[in-house]
Amino acid sequence: MKNMSKSLKIFTVIALSAIVVGMVFLGIFGFNKTLDYDNGYELKIEIEGNYGETAESTAGKMKTAAEKYFNEKGVNYKNYSVETLENGNVLLIKLDQQSSEKIVIADLTAKIDDAIFESGLTSSASLYKKQIFTSSELGWVILGLGITAVIMFIYVFFTEKLAGALSVIITSLISVLLFLSLMAITRIPATPFVYTVMAFTCLLGASLSLVLVNRLSELKKNVGNDKKTGAELGDVALKSSAVRLAFVSGAILLAGLLFAIIGPAYLRFLGLQIIVSVISSLFATVSFSAFLWRVFKNDKKSKNLPEKEDAVGTLK
């Protein structure tokens, strides 16, 4: 028990430190935004009829020629992906607004056509604006998150009482703060969907916290636990809920890892964001849920018997 309590204190200090440092980073540097974070542009370059043994080399020449043109024009770009279709290849490029104004489609395709001349194929390109989020759409995301939080609070209030509801809601908010902080510290590219992942983090943090709070309530109702302090119940609840917490977190973490390892560039960024989301939610749950539940339950035993807290390590 004593080791568990000490570990939780360490986790709490790490989490609080990460939030403080992360908020400073976020205030000074902001997110490491991708080029299309604020309604960027997408350039689509195609070569039709590119298949067979030379398909890969032709696609490589297309990519090299396009990059050479961008460098000559001083274009700030990011390769999104090269998609191989049944009848050719498609190269997707992310651009910001300034870079999009430097591109002349006719000059770009001429450069590519010169590079793939031996294949007898020609290229085509199109440039269009990618509007991801407007301020009103972001407002709807925040409103939806707020409504979900209220519904969850009401549900937990009636099932786990006020202490459980407050613990779950505050833990979910801490999960979000940790997510924002880790995104700022690690400089993982923030795609336009970072707010969606942030909302997911809030819900995941609440769900994991609810597992622990539910277990705490069950232990509290057990007559045999009447003499145990809130700290002792928290340790028991965490140990008995470890498998469920690990299973849920592990499944989502595995999905994020798969995206990050085998996905195209954009999915890799999303996978990394999911990994940060899981770590933030799990860390917040382990560090704060039981403690907050104990505080809101007003655990008088812990306050009146501080020597009991010190003797936790001797209990089996």
C-alpha atoms as a PDB file:
ATOM      1  CA  MET A   1       0.000   0.000   0.000  1.00  0.00           C
ATOM      2  CA  LYS A   2       2.757   2.375   0.965  1.00  0.00           C
ATOM      3  CA  ASN A   3       4.514   1.919  -2.364  1.00  0.00           C
ATOM      4  CA  MET A   4       1.275   2.574  -4.234  1.00  0.00           C
ATOM      5  CA  SER A   5       0.648   5.795  -2.298  1.00  0.00           C
ATOM      6  CA  LYS A   6       4.178   7.016  -2.953  1.00  0.00           C
ATOM      7  CA  SER A   7       3.866   6.220  -6.670  1.00  0.00           C
ATOM      8  CA  LEU A   8       0.604   8.147  -6.906  1.00  0.00           C
ATOM      9  CA  LYS A   9       2.248  11.179  -5.328  1.00  0.00           C
ATOM     10  CA  ILE A  10       5.034  10.981  -7.906  1.00  0.00           C
ATOM     11  CA  PHE A  11       2.495  10.682 -10.736  1.00  0.00           C
ATOM     12  CA  THR A  12       0.612  13.689  -9.404  1.00  0.00           C
ATOM     13  CA  VAL A  13       3.764  15.827  -9.214  1.00  0.00           C
ATOM     14  CA  ILE A  14       4.749  14.803 -12.767  1.00  0.00           C
ATOM     15  CA  ALA A  15       1.270  15.568 -14.095  1.00  0.00           C
ATOM     16  CA  LEU A  16       1.093  18.994 -12.425  1.00  0.00           C
ATOM     17  CA  SER A  17       4.620  19.839 -13.599  1.00  0.00           C
ATOM     18  CA  ALA A  18       3.747  18.829 -17.169  1.00  0.00           C
ATOM     19  CA  ILE A  19       0.643  21.024 -17.095  1.00  0.00           C
ATOM     20  CA  VAL A  20       2.551  24.073 -15.817  1.00  0.00           C
ATOM     21  CA  VAL A  21       5.425  23.671 -18.312  1.00  0.00           C
ATOM     22  CA  GLY A  22       3.020  22.806 -21.129  1.00  0.00           C
ATOM     23  CA  MET A  23       0.849  25.854 -20.552  1.00  0.00           C
ATOM     24  CA  VAL A  24       3.969  28.046 -20.674  1.00  0.00           C
ATOM     25  CA  PHE A  25       5.020  26.372 -23.947  1.00  0.00           C
ATOM     26  CA  LEU A  26       1.520  26.744 -25.347  1.00  0.00           C
ATOM     27  CA  GLY A  27       1.381  30.423 -24.412  1.00  0.00           C
ATOM     28  CA  ILE A  28       4.795  31.196 -25.916  1.00  0.00           C
ATOM     29  CA  PHE A  29       5.062  28.848 -28.897  1.00  0.00           C
ATOM     30  CA  GLY A  30       1.506  27.632 -29.474  1.00  0.00           C
ATOM     31  CA  PHE A  31       0.861  24.366 -31.303  1.00  0.00           C
ATOM     32  CA  ASN A  32       3.227  22.987 -33.930  1.00  0.00           C
ATOM     33  CA  LYS A  33       0.598  23.551 -36.612  1.00  0.00           C
ATOM     34  CA  THR A  34       0.467  21.710 -39.916  1.00  0.00           C
ATOM     35  CA  LEU A  35       0.278  23.856 -43.058  1.00  0.00           C
ATOM     36  CA  ASP A  36      -3.464  23.329 -43.423  1.00  0.00           C
ATOM     37  CA  TYR A  37      -4.262  23.957 -39.750  1.00  0.00           C
ATOM     38  CA  ASP A  38      -5.837  27.305 -40.621  1.00  0.00           C
ATOM     39  CA  ASN A  39      -7.728  26.629 -43.842  1.00  0.00           C
ATOM     40  CA  GLY A  40      -4.735  25.798 -46.043  1.00  0.00           C
ATOM     41  CA  TYR A  41      -4.542  24.667 -49.662  1.00  0.00           C
ATOM     42  CA  GLU A  42      -4.147  21.259 -51.250  1.00  0.00           C
ATOM     43  CA  LEU A  43      -2.358  20.639 -54.535  1.00  0.00           C
ATOM     44  CA  LYS A  44      -3.291  17.473 -56.400  1.00  0.00           C
ATOM     45  CA  ILE A  45      -0.909  16.199 -59.102  1.00  0.00           C
ATOM     46  CA  GLU A  46      -1.946  13.211 -61.220  1.00  0.00           C
ATOM     47  CA  ILE A  47      -0.368  10.926 -63.812  1.00  0.00           C
ATOM     48  CA  GLU A  48      -2.917   8.731 -65.545  1.00  0.00           C
ATOM     49  CA  GLY A  49      -1.924   5.469 -67.225  1.00  0.00           C
ATOM     50  CA  ASN A  50       1.097   5.009 -64.960  1.00  0.00           C
ATOM     51  CA  TYR A  51       1.209   1.292 -64.225  1.00  0.00           C
ATOM     52  CA  GLY A  52       3.439  -1.699 -64.858  1.00  0.00           C
ATOM     53  CA  GLU A  53       7.129  -2.164 -64.109  1.00  0.00           C
ATOM     54  CA  THR A  54       8.036   1.515 -64.520  1.00  0.00           C
ATOM     55  CA  ALA A  55       5.157   2.865 -62.442  1.00  0.00           C
ATOM     56  CA  GLU A  56       7.183   3.287 -59.258  1.00  0.00           C
ATOM     57  CA  SER A  57      10.101   5.064 -60.922  1.00  0.00           C
ATOM     58  CA  THR A  58       7.742   7.365 -62.854  1.00  0.00           C
ATOM     59  CA  ALA A  59       5.918   8.289 -59.647  1.00  0.00           C
ATOM     60  CA  GLY A  60       9.280   8.986 -58.016  1.00  0.00           C
ATOM     61  CA  LYS A  61      10.278  11.287 -60.892  1.00  0.00           C
ATOM     62  CA  MET A  62       6.951  13.137 -60.547  1.00  0.00           C
ATOM     63  CA  LYS A  63       7.586  13.704 -56.850  1.00  0.00           C
ATOM     64  CA  THR A  64      11.202  14.785 -57.366  1.00  0.00           C
ATOM     65  CA  ALA A  65      10.302  17.205 -60.167  1.00  0.00           C
ATOM     66  CA  ALA A  66       7.501  18.753 -58.110  1.00  0.00           C
ATOM     67  CA  GLU A  67       9.779  19.222 -55.093  1.00  0.00           C
ATOM     68  CA  LYS A  68      12.466  20.797 -57.270  1.00  0.00           C
ATOM     69  CA  TYR A  69       9.904  23.279 -58.626  1.00  0.00           C
ATOM     70  CA  PHE A  70       8.718  24.123 -55.095  1.00  0.00           C
ATOM     71  CA  ASN A  71      12.281  24.753 -53.910  1.00  0.00           C
ATOM     72  CA  GLU A  72      12.973  27.031 -56.892  1.00  0.00           C
ATOM     73  CA  LYS A  73       9.841  29.061 -56.139  1.00  0.00           C
ATOM     74  CA  GLY A  74      10.423  29.148 -52.378  1.00  0.00           C
ATOM     75  CA  VAL A  75       7.203  27.249 -51.714  1.00  0.00           C
ATOM     76  CA  ASN A  76       6.532  26.083 -48.142  1.00  0.00           C
ATOM     77  CA  TYR A  77       5.019  22.642 -48.659  1.00  0.00           C
ATOM     78  CA  LYS A  78       4.415  19.287 -47.003  1.00  0.00           C
ATOM     79  CA  ASN A  79       4.061  15.955 -48.775  1.00  0.00           C
ATOM     80  CA  TYR A  80       0.784  14.430 -47.704  1.00  0.00           C
ATOM     81  CA  SER A  81       0.881  11.137 -49.573  1.00  0.00           C
ATOM     82  CA  VAL A  82       1.446   9.443 -52.916  1.00  0.00           C
ATOM     83  CA  GLU A  83      -1.547   7.288 -53.760  1.00  0.00           C
ATOM     84  CA  THR A  84      -1.144   4.497 -56.289  1.00  0.00           C
ATOM     85  CA  LEU A  85      -4.345   3.910 -58.216  1.00  0.00           C
ATOM     86  CA  GLU A  86      -5.227   1.226 -60.768  1.00  0.00           C
ATOM     87  CA  ASN A  87      -4.517   3.561 -63.669  1.00  0.00           C
ATOM     88  CA  GLY A  88      -1.913   5.924 -62.268  1.00  0.00           C
ATOM     89  CA  ASN A  89      -0.604   7.954 -59.348  1.00  0.00           C
ATOM     90  CA  VAL A  90      -1.805  10.918 -57.332  1.00  0.00           C
ATOM     91  CA  LEU A  91       0.517  13.172 -55.326  1.00  0.00           C
ATOM     92  CA  LEU A  92      -1.131  15.325 -52.635  1.00  0.00           C
ATOM     93  CA  ILE A  93       0.682  18.388 -51.320  1.00  0.00           C
ATOM     94  CA  LYS A  94      -0.290  20.633 -48.395  1.00  0.00           C
ATOM     95  CA  LEU A  95       0.365  24.353 -48.767  1.00  0.00           C
ATOM     96  CA  ASP A  96      -0.237  27.573 -46.894  1.00  0.00           C
ATOM     97  CA  GLN A  97      -1.890  30.548 -48.600  1.00  0.00           C
ATOM     98  CA  GLN A  98       1.337  32.430 -49.388  1.00  0.00           C
ATOM     99  CA  SER A  99       2.873  29.386 -51.035  1.00  0.00           C
ATOM    100  CA  SER A 100      -0.251  28.697 -53.088  1.00  0.00           C
ATOM    101  CA  GLU A 101       0.111  32.129 -54.717  1.00  0.00           C
ATOM    102  CA  LYS A 102       3.644  31.280 -55.932  1.00  0.00           C
ATOM    103  CA  ILE A 103       2.558  28.261 -57.969  1.00  0.00           C
ATOM    104  CA  VAL A 104       1.754  28.438 -61.680  1.00  0.00           C
ATOM    105  CA  ILE A 105       0.039  25.177 -62.599  1.00  0.00           C
ATOM    106  CA  ALA A 106       1.196  25.245 -66.261  1.00  0.00           C
ATOM    107  CA  ASP A 107       4.847  25.691 -65.244  1.00  0.00           C
ATOM    108  CA  LEU A 108       4.590  22.932 -62.648  1.00  0.00           C
ATOM    109  CA  THR A 109       3.103  20.360 -65.019  1.00  0.00           C
ATOM    110  CA  ALA A 110       5.654  21.312 -67.693  1.00  0.00           C
ATOM    111  CA  LYS A 111       8.469  20.538 -65.265  1.00  0.00           C
ATOM    112  CA  ILE A 112       6.923  17.183 -64.391  1.00  0.00           C
ATOM    113  CA  ASP A 113       6.228  16.303 -68.026  1.00  0.00           C
ATOM    114  CA  ASP A 114       9.900  16.948 -68.865  1.00  0.00           C
ATOM    115  CA  ALA A 115      10.929  14.595 -66.043  1.00  0.00           C
ATOM    116  CA  ILE A 116       8.626  11.759 -67.142  1.00  0.00           C
ATOM    117  CA  PHE A 117       9.061  12.309 -70.897  1.00  0.00           C
ATOM    118  CA  GLU A 118      10.474   8.820 -71.490  1.00  0.00           C
ATOM    119  CA  SER A 119       7.300   7.208 -70.141  1.00  0.00           C
ATOM    120  CA  GLY A 120       5.153   8.893 -72.796  1.00  0.00           C
ATOM    121  CA  LEU A 121       2.775  10.139 -70.083  1.00  0.00           C
ATOM    122  CA  THR A 122       1.647  13.614 -69.103  1.00  0.00           C
ATOM    123  CA  SER A 123       0.629  15.115 -65.780  1.00  0.00           C
ATOM    124  CA  SER A 124      -2.228  17.294 -64.600  1.00  0.00           C
ATOM    125  CA  ALA A 125      -2.592  19.392 -61.458  1.00  0.00           C
ATOM    126  CA  SER A 126      -5.296  21.239 -59.567  1.00  0.00           C
ATOM    127  CA  LEU A 127      -5.117  23.586 -56.591  1.00  0.00           C
ATOM    128  CA  TYR A 128      -8.000  24.149 -54.225  1.00  0.00           C
ATOM    129  CA  LYS A 129      -8.652  25.598 -50.790  1.00  0.00           C
ATOM    130  CA  LYS A 130      -9.241  23.222 -47.905  1.00  0.00           C
ATOM    131  CA  GLN A 131     -11.477  24.919 -45.377  1.00  0.00           C
ATOM    132  CA  ILE A 132     -11.310  22.776 -42.261  1.00  0.00           C
ATOM    133  CA  PHE A 133     -12.885  24.728 -39.416  1.00  0.00           C
ATOM    134  CA  THR A 134     -14.700  28.032 -39.320  1.00  0.00           C
ATOM    135  CA  SER A 135     -15.101  29.818 -36.005  1.00  0.00           C
ATOM    136  CA  SER A 136     -18.781  28.845 -35.919  1.00  0.00           C
ATOM    137  CA  GLU A 137     -17.955  25.171 -36.535  1.00  0.00           C
ATOM    138  CA  LEU A 138     -15.387  25.259 -33.740  1.00  0.00           C
ATOM    139  CA  GLY A 139     -18.078  26.803 -31.557  1.00  0.00           C
ATOM    140  CA  TRP A 140     -20.364  23.860 -32.324  1.00  0.00           C
ATOM    141  CA  VAL A 141     -17.578  21.460 -31.308  1.00  0.00           C
ATOM    142  CA  ILE A 142     -17.184  23.267 -27.974  1.00  0.00           C
ATOM    143  CA  LEU A 143     -20.965  23.373 -27.491  1.00  0.00           C
ATOM    144  CA  GLY A 144     -21.254  19.648 -28.198  1.00  0.00           C
ATOM    145  CA  LEU A 145     -18.454  18.945 -25.739  1.00  0.00           C
ATOM    146  CA  GLY A 146     -20.218  21.065 -23.120  1.00  0.00           C
ATOM    147  CA  ILE A 147     -23.548  19.290 -23.611  1.00  0.00           C
ATOM    148  CA  THR A 148     -21.827  15.908 -23.355  1.00  0.00           C
ATOM    149  CA  ALA A 149     -20.112  16.990 -20.136  1.00  0.00           C
ATOM    150  CA  VAL A 150     -23.437  18.129 -18.624  1.00  0.00           C
ATOM    151  CA  ILE A 151     -25.172  14.856 -19.551  1.00  0.00           C
ATOM    152  CA  MET A 152     -22.289  12.847 -18.107  1.00  0.00           C
ATOM    153  CA  PHE A 153     -22.345  14.943 -14.932  1.00  0.00           C
ATOM    154  CA  ILE A 154     -26.076  14.320 -14.460  1.00  0.00           C
ATOM    155  CA  TYR A 155     -25.632  10.594 -15.078  1.00  0.00           C
ATOM    156  CA  VAL A 156     -22.729  10.276 -12.644  1.00  0.00           C
ATOM    157  CA  PHE A 157     -24.515  12.462 -10.086  1.00  0.00           C
ATOM    158  CA  PHE A 158     -27.471  10.082  -9.930  1.00  0.00           C
ATOM    159  CA  THR A 159     -25.337   6.931  -9.995  1.00  0.00           C
ATOM    160  CA  GLU A 160     -22.316   7.948  -7.934  1.00  0.00           C
ATOM    161  CA  LYS A 161     -23.588  11.053  -6.064  1.00  0.00           C
ATOM    162  CA  LEU A 162     -21.975  14.501  -6.051  1.00  0.00           C
ATOM    163  CA  ALA A 163     -18.485  13.403  -5.007  1.00  0.00           C
ATOM    164  CA  GLY A 164     -18.257  10.944  -7.885  1.00  0.00           C
ATOM    165  CA  ALA A 165     -19.670  13.416 -10.407  1.00  0.00           C
ATOM    166  CA  LEU A 166     -17.236  16.171  -9.457  1.00  0.00           C
ATOM    167  CA  SER A 167     -14.325  13.730  -9.486  1.00  0.00           C
ATOM    168  CA  VAL A 168     -15.165  12.512 -12.994  1.00  0.00           C
ATOM    169  CA  ILE A 169     -15.709  15.986 -14.459  1.00  0.00           C
ATOM    170  CA  ILE A 170     -12.560  17.504 -12.947  1.00  0.00           C
ATOM    171  CA  THR A 171     -10.471  14.497 -13.979  1.00  0.00           C
ATOM    172  CA  SER A 172     -11.716  14.834 -17.557  1.00  0.00           C
ATOM    173  CA  LEU A 173     -10.739  18.520 -17.564  1.00  0.00           C
ATOM    174  CA  ILE A 174      -7.292  17.657 -16.204  1.00  0.00           C
ATOM    175  CA  SER A 175      -6.996  15.102 -19.032  1.00  0.00           C
ATOM    176  CA  VAL A 176      -7.588  17.888 -21.547  1.00  0.00           C
ATOM    177  CA  LEU A 177      -5.031  20.163 -19.870  1.00  0.00           C
ATOM    178  CA  LEU A 178      -2.477  17.342 -19.953  1.00  0.00           C
ATOM    179  CA  PHE A 179      -3.247  16.681 -23.619  1.00  0.00           C
ATOM    180  CA  LEU A 180      -2.762  20.339 -24.575  1.00  0.00           C
ATOM    181  CA  SER A 181       0.415  20.529 -22.486  1.00  0.00           C
ATOM    182  CA  LEU A 182       1.989  17.395 -23.968  1.00  0.00           C
ATOM    183  CA  MET A 183       1.096  18.503 -27.499  1.00  0.00           C
ATOM    184  CA  ALA A 184       2.867  21.810 -26.844  1.00  0.00           C
ATOM    185  CA  ILE A 185       5.921  20.217 -25.175  1.00  0.00           C
ATOM    186  CA  THR A 186       6.480  17.340 -27.625  1.00  0.00           C
ATOM    187  CA  ARG A 187       5.799  19.557 -30.682  1.00  0.00           C
ATOM    188  CA  ILE A 188       3.769  16.804 -32.326  1.00  0.00           C
ATOM    189  CA  PRO A 189       2.189  18.321 -35.466  1.00  0.00           C
ATOM    190  CA  ALA A 190      -1.293  19.629 -34.715  1.00  0.00           C
ATOM    191  CA  THR A 191      -3.684  18.841 -37.554  1.00  0.00           C
ATOM    192  CA  PRO A 192      -7.071  20.559 -37.988  1.00  0.00           C
ATOM    193  CA  PHE A 193      -8.580  17.588 -36.140  1.00  0.00           C
ATOM    194  CA  VAL A 194      -6.685  18.307 -32.920  1.00  0.00           C
ATOM    195  CA  TYR A 195      -9.867  19.735 -31.383  1.00  0.00           C
ATOM    196  CA  THR A 196     -11.712  16.506 -32.148  1.00  0.00           C
ATOM    197  CA  VAL A 197      -8.953  14.531 -30.419  1.00  0.00           C
ATOM    198  CA  MET A 198      -9.138  16.994 -27.520  1.00  0.00           C
ATOM    199  CA  ALA A 199     -12.874  16.291 -27.162  1.00  0.00           C
ATOM    200  CA  PHE A 200     -12.133  12.570 -27.336  1.00  0.00           C
ATOM    201  CA  THR A 201      -9.553  13.035 -24.555  1.00  0.00           C
ATOM    202  CA  CYS A 202     -12.182  14.670 -22.359  1.00  0.00           C
ATOM    203  CA  LEU A 203     -14.605  11.780 -22.848  1.00  0.00           C
ATOM    204  CA  LEU A 204     -11.907   9.127 -22.414  1.00  0.00           C
ATOM    205  CA  GLY A 205     -10.696  10.755 -19.208  1.00  0.00           C
ATOM    206  CA  ALA A 206     -14.256  10.836 -17.879  1.00  0.00           C
ATOM    207  CA  SER A 207     -14.845   7.190 -18.844  1.00  0.00           C
ATOM    208  CA  LEU A 208     -11.652   5.913 -17.211  1.00  0.00           C
ATOM    209  CA  SER A 209     -12.331   8.008 -14.122  1.00  0.00           C
ATOM    210  CA  LEU A 210     -15.858   6.610 -13.917  1.00  0.00           C
ATOM    211  CA  VAL A 211     -14.441   3.073 -13.782  1.00  0.00           C
ATOM    212  CA  LEU A 212     -12.329   4.004 -10.769  1.00  0.00           C
ATOM    213  CA  VAL A 213     -15.037   6.049  -9.040  1.00  0.00           C
ATOM    214  CA  ASN A 214     -17.535   3.235  -9.479  1.00  0.00           C
ATOM    215  CA  ARG A 215     -15.105   0.828  -7.846  1.00  0.00           C
ATOM    216  CA  LEU A 216     -14.527   3.259  -4.973  1.00  0.00           C
ATOM    217  CA  SER A 217     -18.281   3.496  -4.368  1.00  0.00           C
ATOM    218  CA  GLU A 218     -18.580  -0.291  -4.276  1.00  0.00           C
ATOM    219  CA  LEU A 219     -15.769  -0.549  -1.744  1.00  0.00           C
ATOM    220  CA  LYS A 220     -17.266   2.233   0.380  1.00  0.00           C
ATOM    221  CA  LYS A 221     -20.586   0.366   0.621  1.00  0.00           C
ATOM    222  CA  ASN A 222     -18.866  -2.803   1.784  1.00  0.00           C
ATOM    223  CA  VAL A 223     -19.338  -3.109   5.570  1.00  0.00           C
ATOM    224  CA  GLY A 224     -15.914  -4.690   5.897  1.00  0.00           C
ATOM    225  CA  ASN A 225     -14.283  -1.479   4.698  1.00  0.00           C
ATOM    226  CA  ASP A 226     -15.840   0.814   7.326  1.00  0.00           C
ATOM    227  CA  LYS A 227     -12.578   1.287   9.178  1.00  0.00           C
ATOM    228  CA  LYS A 228     -10.467   1.951   6.088  1.00  0.00           C
ATOM    229  CA  THR A 229      -9.428   5.467   5.190  1.00  0.00           C
ATOM    230  CA  GLY A 230     -10.119   7.033   1.821  1.00  0.00           C
ATOM    231  CA  ALA A 231      -6.442   6.634   0.919  1.00  0.00           C
ATOM    232  CA  GLU A 232      -6.614   2.900   1.588  1.00  0.00           C
ATOM    233  CA  LEU A 233      -9.805   2.539  -0.448  1.00  0.00           C
ATOM    234  CA  GLY A 234      -8.180   4.471  -3.275  1.00  0.00           C
ATOM    235  CA  ASP A 235      -5.218   2.093  -3.374  1.00  0.00           C
ATOM    236  CA  VAL A 236      -7.478  -0.974  -3.357  1.00  0.00           C
ATOM    237  CA  ALA A 237      -9.743   0.503  -6.049  1.00  0.00           C
ATOM    238  CA  LEU A 238      -6.813   1.342  -8.291  1.00  0.00           C
ATOM    239  CA  LYS A 239      -5.307  -2.122  -7.964  1.00  0.00           C
ATOM    240  CA  SER A 240      -8.609  -3.898  -8.601  1.00  0.00           C
ATOM    241  CA  SER A 241      -9.433  -1.631 -11.588  1.00  0.00           C
ATOM    242  CA  ALA A 242      -5.972  -1.833 -13.141  1.00  0.00           C
ATOM    243  CA  VAL A 243      -6.884  -4.560 -15.636  1.00  0.00           C
ATOM    244  CA  ARG A 244      -9.963  -2.723 -16.938  1.00  0.00           C
ATOM    245  CA  LEU A 245      -8.099   0.569 -17.204  1.00  0.00           C
ATOM    246  CA  ALA A 246      -5.181  -1.102 -18.970  1.00  0.00           C
ATOM    247  CA  PHE A 247      -7.445  -2.995 -21.386  1.00  0.00           C
ATOM    248  CA  VAL A 248      -9.420   0.057 -22.510  1.00  0.00           C
ATOM    249  CA  SER A 249      -6.352   2.301 -22.729  1.00  0.00           C
ATOM    250  CA  GLY A 250      -4.258  -0.388 -24.388  1.00  0.00           C
ATOM    251  CA  ALA A 251      -6.801  -1.028 -27.149  1.00  0.00           C
ATOM    252  CA  ILE A 252      -6.996   2.655 -28.089  1.00  0.00           C
ATOM    253  CA  LEU A 253      -3.231   3.062 -27.721  1.00  0.00           C
ATOM    254  CA  LEU A 254      -2.681   0.160 -30.119  1.00  0.00           C
ATOM    255  CA  ALA A 255      -4.878   1.856 -32.730  1.00  0.00           C
ATOM    256  CA  GLY A 256      -2.865   5.056 -32.338  1.00  0.00           C
ATOM    257  CA  LEU A 257       0.404   3.139 -32.697  1.00  0.00           C
ATOM    258  CA  LEU A 258      -0.798   1.442 -35.874  1.00  0.00           C
ATOM    259  CA  PHE A 259      -1.749   4.798 -37.379  1.00  0.00           C
ATOM    260  CA  ALA A 260       1.601   6.284 -36.324  1.00  0.00           C
ATOM    261  CA  ILE A 261       3.683   3.400 -37.700  1.00  0.00           C
ATOM    262  CA  ILE A 262       2.023   2.246 -40.913  1.00  0.00           C
ATOM    263  CA  GLY A 263      -0.298   5.095 -41.894  1.00  0.00           C
ATOM    264  CA  PRO A 264       0.440   7.827 -44.463  1.00  0.00           C
ATOM    265  CA  ALA A 265       1.850  11.135 -43.194  1.00  0.00           C
ATOM    266  CA  TYR A 266      -1.443  12.678 -42.115  1.00  0.00           C
ATOM    267  CA  LEU A 267      -2.650   9.533 -40.338  1.00  0.00           C
ATOM    268  CA  ARG A 268       0.695   9.316 -38.549  1.00  0.00           C
ATOM    269  CA  PHE A 269       0.073  12.740 -37.040  1.00  0.00           C
ATOM    270  CA  LEU A 270      -3.403  11.631 -35.962  1.00  0.00           C
ATOM    271  CA  GLY A 271      -1.952   8.438 -34.467  1.00  0.00           C
ATOM    272  CA  LEU A 272       0.544  10.440 -32.413  1.00  0.00           C
ATOM    273  CA  GLN A 273      -2.261  12.692 -31.161  1.00  0.00           C
ATOM    274  CA  ILE A 274      -4.283   9.625 -30.113  1.00  0.00           C
ATOM    275  CA  ILE A 275      -1.266   8.267 -28.218  1.00  0.00           C
ATOM    276  CA  VAL A 276      -0.930  11.584 -26.347  1.00  0.00           C
ATOM    277  CA  SER A 277      -4.679  11.499 -25.659  1.00  0.00           C
ATOM    278  CA  VAL A 278      -4.533   8.033 -24.070  1.00  0.00           C
ATOM    279  CA  ILE A 279      -1.474   8.865 -21.968  1.00  0.00           C
ATOM    280  CA  SER A 280      -3.103  12.098 -20.746  1.00  0.00           C
ATOM    281  CA  SER A 281      -6.406  10.441 -19.832  1.00  0.00           C
ATOM    282  CA  LEU A 282      -4.819   7.479 -18.068  1.00  0.00           C
ATOM    283  CA  PHE A 283      -2.326   9.640 -16.198  1.00  0.00           C
ATOM    284  CA  ALA A 284      -5.056  12.024 -15.020  1.00  0.00           C
ATOM    285  CA  THR A 285      -7.252   9.138 -13.875  1.00  0.00           C
ATOM    286  CA  VAL A 286      -4.526   7.374 -11.917  1.00  0.00           C
ATOM    287  CA  SER A 287      -3.181  10.585 -10.376  1.00  0.00           C
ATOM    288  CA  PHE A 288      -6.336  12.499  -9.485  1.00  0.00           C
ATOM    289  CA  SER A 289      -9.591  10.493  -9.552  1.00  0.00           C
ATOM    290  CA  ALA A 290      -9.283   8.705  -6.213  1.00  0.00           C
ATOM    291  CA  PHE A 291      -7.823  11.790  -4.528  1.00  0.00           C
ATOM    292  CA  LEU A 292     -10.644  14.045  -5.756  1.00  0.00           C
ATOM    293  CA  TRP A 293     -13.274  11.481  -4.727  1.00  0.00           C
ATOM    294  CA  ARG A 294     -11.749  11.395  -1.260  1.00  0.00           C
ATOM    295  CA  VAL A 295     -11.725  15.198  -1.004  1.00  0.00           C
ATOM    296  CA  PHE A 296     -15.349  15.597  -2.098  1.00  0.00           C
ATOM    297  CA  LYS A 297     -16.438  12.719   0.130  1.00  0.00           C
ATOM    298  CA  ASN A 298     -14.936  14.713   2.992  1.00  0.00           C
ATOM    299  CA  ASP A 299     -13.057  11.697   4.340  1.00  0.00           C
ATOM    300  CA  LYS A 300     -12.883  12.650   8.023  1.00  0.00           C
ATOM    301  CA  LYS A 301     -11.092   9.466   8.981  1.00  0.00           C
ATOM    302  CA  SER A 302      -8.055  10.514   6.991  1.00  0.00           C
ATOM    303  CA  LYS A 303      -8.097  13.998   8.525  1.00  0.00           C
ATOM    304  CA  ASN A 304      -8.605  12.899  12.126  1.00  0.00           C
ATOM    305  CA  LEU A 305      -6.142  10.031  12.013  1.00  0.00           C
ATOM    306  CA  PRO A 306      -3.011  11.202  10.192  1.00  0.00           C
ATOM    307  CA  GLU A 307      -1.022   8.468  11.908  1.00  0.00           C
ATOM    308  CA  LYS A 308      -3.263   5.948  10.104  1.00  0.00           C
ATOM    309  CA  GLU A 309      -2.095   7.364   6.798  1.00  0.00           C
ATOM    310  CA  ASP A 310       1.522   6.741   7.782  1.00  0.00           C
ATOM    311  CA  ALA A 311       0.712   3.183   8.768  1.00  0.00           C
ATOM    312  CA  VAL A 312      -0.840   2.313   5.428  1.00  0.00           C
ATOM    313  CA  GLY A 313       2.308   0.515   4.354  1.00  0.00           C
ATOM    314  CA  THR A 314       2.009  -1.962   7.237  1.00  0.00           C
ATOM    315  CA  LEU A 315      -1.453  -3.108   6.214  1.00  0.00           C
ATOM    316  CA  LYS A 316      -1.889  -6.179   4.052  1.00  0.00           C
END
